[in-house]
Amino acid sequence: MDTKRKDLTARNFPTALEEAEALAPPSRYEGPESAYRLAFTDTEFLLRDELRPVRMQLELLKPEMVQAAQGIVSTIVIFGSARILPPEMAAQKLAQAREGGDDAALRRAETLVVMSRFYDEARRFAALVTQRSREFEQPIYVVTGGGPGVMEAGNRGAHEVGGKSIGLNIVLPHEQAPNPFITPELCFQFHYFGLRKMHFLMRSIGLVCFPGGYGTLDELFEVMTLVQTGKCRRRPILLFGRDFWTRLVNFELLIETGMISPEDVSLFHYVETAEEAWEVLCAEYGFDLPVTETGDLAIDI
């Protein structure tokens, strides 16, 4: 009988998982006050203030390693308000407001209907990106903040055409559950805003920004600042809805008062439809060329 070992790559030591699962503490040290637990299985220990650097490293590594294992290289990020409703829901709100007879509520409901077009455009854009890039050497995956509104529309559009999409959710005082259209193995939850925003950019080849409030503006202007200052490479930044953005931000005033340079307005493009946004990306990256000529799209920041 040949008893010689042939497995030259066998592990020298048990895995951390094997030891964690096999560990049976002596009865004297089973209680919650005991320090006998392995450090990496001790949640109370990991949540101490002094372990913040370790927790930050875990939030950096987990999404990075999972996406790498899934073969995700290039992404399109969709930002936008959690308060923008699907058209059918906005129409219901309008019907209820008309029955209620409250003029202020009616005006708000009418605005919801007007803004709901952005839900549709985000949904169509995500579907378009997912479908058109499916045959690329490196498909492009949609990334959102994982919540409702425009974020839901982005994940929904990819889901409806059979594609995967990513959700980077954040723990908030008022709980924000992930929307139901994110690919489960790509649905992440963050504690640290800074690391979440870093992951938005790490694989992105473009940023698509729909109307939104403080959170959307924070995300948009952080990216524009990084690009303007040369801290990260240029990538297309698309603002959906010229009327909204030009009324919200007076870029001409910033130029006139010397707060930004005239060329800084070339950092972004206004678009109105999913097709127009895709055309900007095609012009930037040559998506209409043979697949082998598109080259590597993403670069780590």
Foldseek 3Di string as FASTA:
>chain_A
DDPDDDPPPDDPDDDPVVCQVPDDDDPVQPDPVHPPHDCVVNPVNCPDPVNVVVQLVCLLPPLVVLCVVVLAFEEEEEEEAQPQDALVVLVVQLVVVVVVPDPVSNVVSVVSNVSNVLLVQLLQLLLCQQVLQVPFPHRYAYEYQQFHDSRLSNLNSQQVNPHAHAHEHEQDPPGTHGDPRHDVSRYHYDDDPVSSLLVSAFRYQEYEYEYYDDVSVVSVVVVLVCPVVVVDDQHEYEYADPVVVCVVDVVVVCCVVVVDPPCSVVSYYYDHHSVVVVVVVCVVQVSVDPSVRSPRRGHGD
